[in-house]
Amino acid sequence: MEFTFPFIRFLSLGLLLAAPLLLALCAIVVALGLIAGRIEGWSRFDAVYWAFVTALTVGYGDFRPSTKRSKALAVAITVAGLMFSGILVAITVHSAFEALRRTADPAIIERVR
């Protein structure tokens, strides 16, 4: 428990500070997905679903763009999704390191560095 609460505190603070950027990336994914869905003739739900599956690089393959414009949008969605994922991973790793640094024995921290 002495690690968990500081980790949650640092993670919450990091997510709060990065929230505008994360929300902007989500908005980009949704907007590009809706544009691609309109080009492909998908419903709004299917377009947003496809956009997030593409952004998170899951790629189930149940929806697939067929035009060059939609494929270009898929690349842009993937880039935005990778940035989103990278930011989340960076915040999580930084939070874990800060929580460890503040709660662990200094000798352990020196071995990690």
Protein backbone atom coordinates (compact mmCIF):
# COMPACT_ATOMS: atom_id res chain seq x y z
CA MET A 1 0.00 0.00 0.00
CA GLU A 2 2.87 2.40 0.55
CA PHE A 3 3.58 2.28 -3.21
CA THR A 4 -0.01 2.10 -4.46
CA PHE A 5 -1.38 5.40 -3.17
CA PRO A 6 1.55 7.55 -4.36
CA PHE A 7 1.37 5.78 -7.74
CA ILE A 8 -2.35 6.52 -8.06
CA ARG A 9 -1.75 10.13 -7.01
CA PHE A 10 1.04 10.65 -9.59
CA LEU A 11 -0.95 8.87 -12.29
CA SER A 12 -4.03 10.98 -11.62
CA LEU A 13 -1.99 14.18 -11.72
CA GLY A 14 -0.27 13.15 -14.95
CA LEU A 15 -3.57 12.26 -16.60
CA LEU A 16 -5.10 15.53 -15.43
CA LEU A 17 -2.22 17.54 -16.88
CA ALA A 18 -2.29 15.61 -20.17
CA ALA A 19 -6.10 15.58 -20.44
CA PRO A 20 -6.33 18.40 -23.02
CA LEU A 21 -3.86 16.66 -25.31
CA LEU A 22 -5.46 13.23 -24.81
CA LEU A 23 -8.93 14.64 -25.46
CA ALA A 24 -7.68 16.41 -28.59
CA LEU A 25 -6.22 13.16 -29.90
CA CYS A 26 -9.51 11.36 -29.17
CA ALA A 27 -11.40 14.10 -31.01
CA ILE A 28 -9.07 13.74 -33.99
CA VAL A 29 -9.65 9.98 -34.06
CA VAL A 30 -13.43 10.43 -33.91
CA ALA A 31 -13.48 13.18 -36.56
CA LEU A 32 -11.27 11.27 -38.98
CA GLY A 33 -13.26 8.10 -38.36
CA LEU A 34 -16.52 9.87 -39.14
CA ILE A 35 -15.03 11.27 -42.36
CA ALA A 36 -13.81 7.82 -43.39
CA GLY A 37 -17.17 6.33 -42.46
CA ARG A 38 -18.98 8.83 -44.64
CA ILE A 39 -16.67 8.00 -47.56
CA GLU A 40 -17.22 4.27 -47.03
CA GLY A 41 -20.95 4.49 -46.30
CA TRP A 42 -20.71 3.12 -42.75
CA SER A 43 -23.00 4.10 -39.89
CA ARG A 44 -21.66 6.61 -37.36
CA PHE A 45 -21.28 3.93 -34.72
CA ASP A 46 -19.41 1.62 -37.10
CA ALA A 47 -17.15 4.49 -38.21
CA VAL A 48 -16.21 5.47 -34.65
CA TYR A 49 -15.77 1.81 -33.71
CA TRP A 50 -13.48 1.27 -36.69
CA ALA A 51 -11.52 4.43 -35.87
CA PHE A 52 -10.78 3.34 -32.30
CA VAL A 53 -9.96 -0.22 -33.31
CA THR A 54 -7.54 1.26 -35.86
CA ALA A 55 -6.14 3.89 -33.45
CA LEU A 56 -5.40 1.28 -30.81
CA THR A 57 -3.85 -0.95 -33.49
CA VAL A 58 -6.17 -3.85 -32.70
CA GLY A 59 -7.37 -4.16 -36.29
CA TYR A 60 -10.08 -6.82 -36.13
CA GLY A 61 -10.64 -6.56 -39.88
CA ASP A 62 -14.43 -6.56 -39.72
CA PHE A 63 -14.41 -3.11 -41.37
CA ARG A 64 -11.86 -2.24 -44.00
CA PRO A 65 -11.44 0.96 -46.00
CA SER A 66 -11.61 0.47 -49.75
CA THR A 67 -10.78 3.92 -51.14
CA LYS A 68 -7.43 5.67 -51.19
CA ARG A 69 -8.79 8.58 -49.15
CA SER A 70 -10.09 6.27 -46.43
CA LYS A 71 -6.82 4.39 -46.34
CA ALA A 72 -4.93 7.68 -45.93
CA LEU A 73 -7.28 8.58 -43.08
CA ALA A 74 -6.57 5.19 -41.51
CA VAL A 75 -2.86 6.03 -41.45
CA ALA A 76 -3.57 9.39 -39.79
CA ILE A 77 -5.85 7.69 -37.24
CA THR A 78 -3.12 5.18 -36.47
CA VAL A 79 -0.55 7.93 -35.90
CA ALA A 80 -2.91 9.75 -33.53
CA GLY A 81 -3.62 6.48 -31.71
CA LEU A 82 0.06 5.67 -31.33
CA MET A 83 0.67 9.13 -29.88
CA PHE A 84 -2.24 8.62 -27.47
CA SER A 85 -0.92 5.22 -26.38
CA GLY A 86 2.62 6.50 -26.05
CA ILE A 87 1.55 9.37 -23.83
CA LEU A 88 -0.43 7.00 -21.59
CA VAL A 89 2.53 4.64 -21.28
CA ALA A 90 4.92 7.52 -20.53
CA ILE A 91 2.64 8.89 -17.81
CA THR A 92 2.24 5.44 -16.26
CA VAL A 93 5.98 4.68 -16.26
CA HIS A 94 6.83 8.10 -14.84
CA SER A 95 4.19 7.69 -12.13
CA ALA A 96 5.54 4.28 -11.17
CA PHE A 97 9.11 5.55 -11.04
CA GLU A 98 8.18 8.58 -8.92
CA ALA A 99 6.14 6.44 -6.52
CA LEU A 100 9.02 3.97 -6.25
CA ARG A 101 11.55 6.75 -5.75
CA ARG A 102 9.55 8.24 -2.89
CA THR A 103 8.70 4.99 -1.13
CA ALA A 104 11.62 2.62 -1.72
CA ASP A 105 14.95 2.27 0.00
CA PRO A 106 17.56 4.56 -1.67
CA ALA A 107 19.88 1.58 -2.27
CA ILE A 108 17.22 -0.06 -4.43
CA ILE A 109 16.80 3.10 -6.51
CA GLU A 110 20.56 3.25 -7.19
CA ARG A 111 20.49 -0.33 -8.50
CA VAL A 112 17.60 0.54 -10.85
CA ARG A 113 19.46 3.50 -12.32
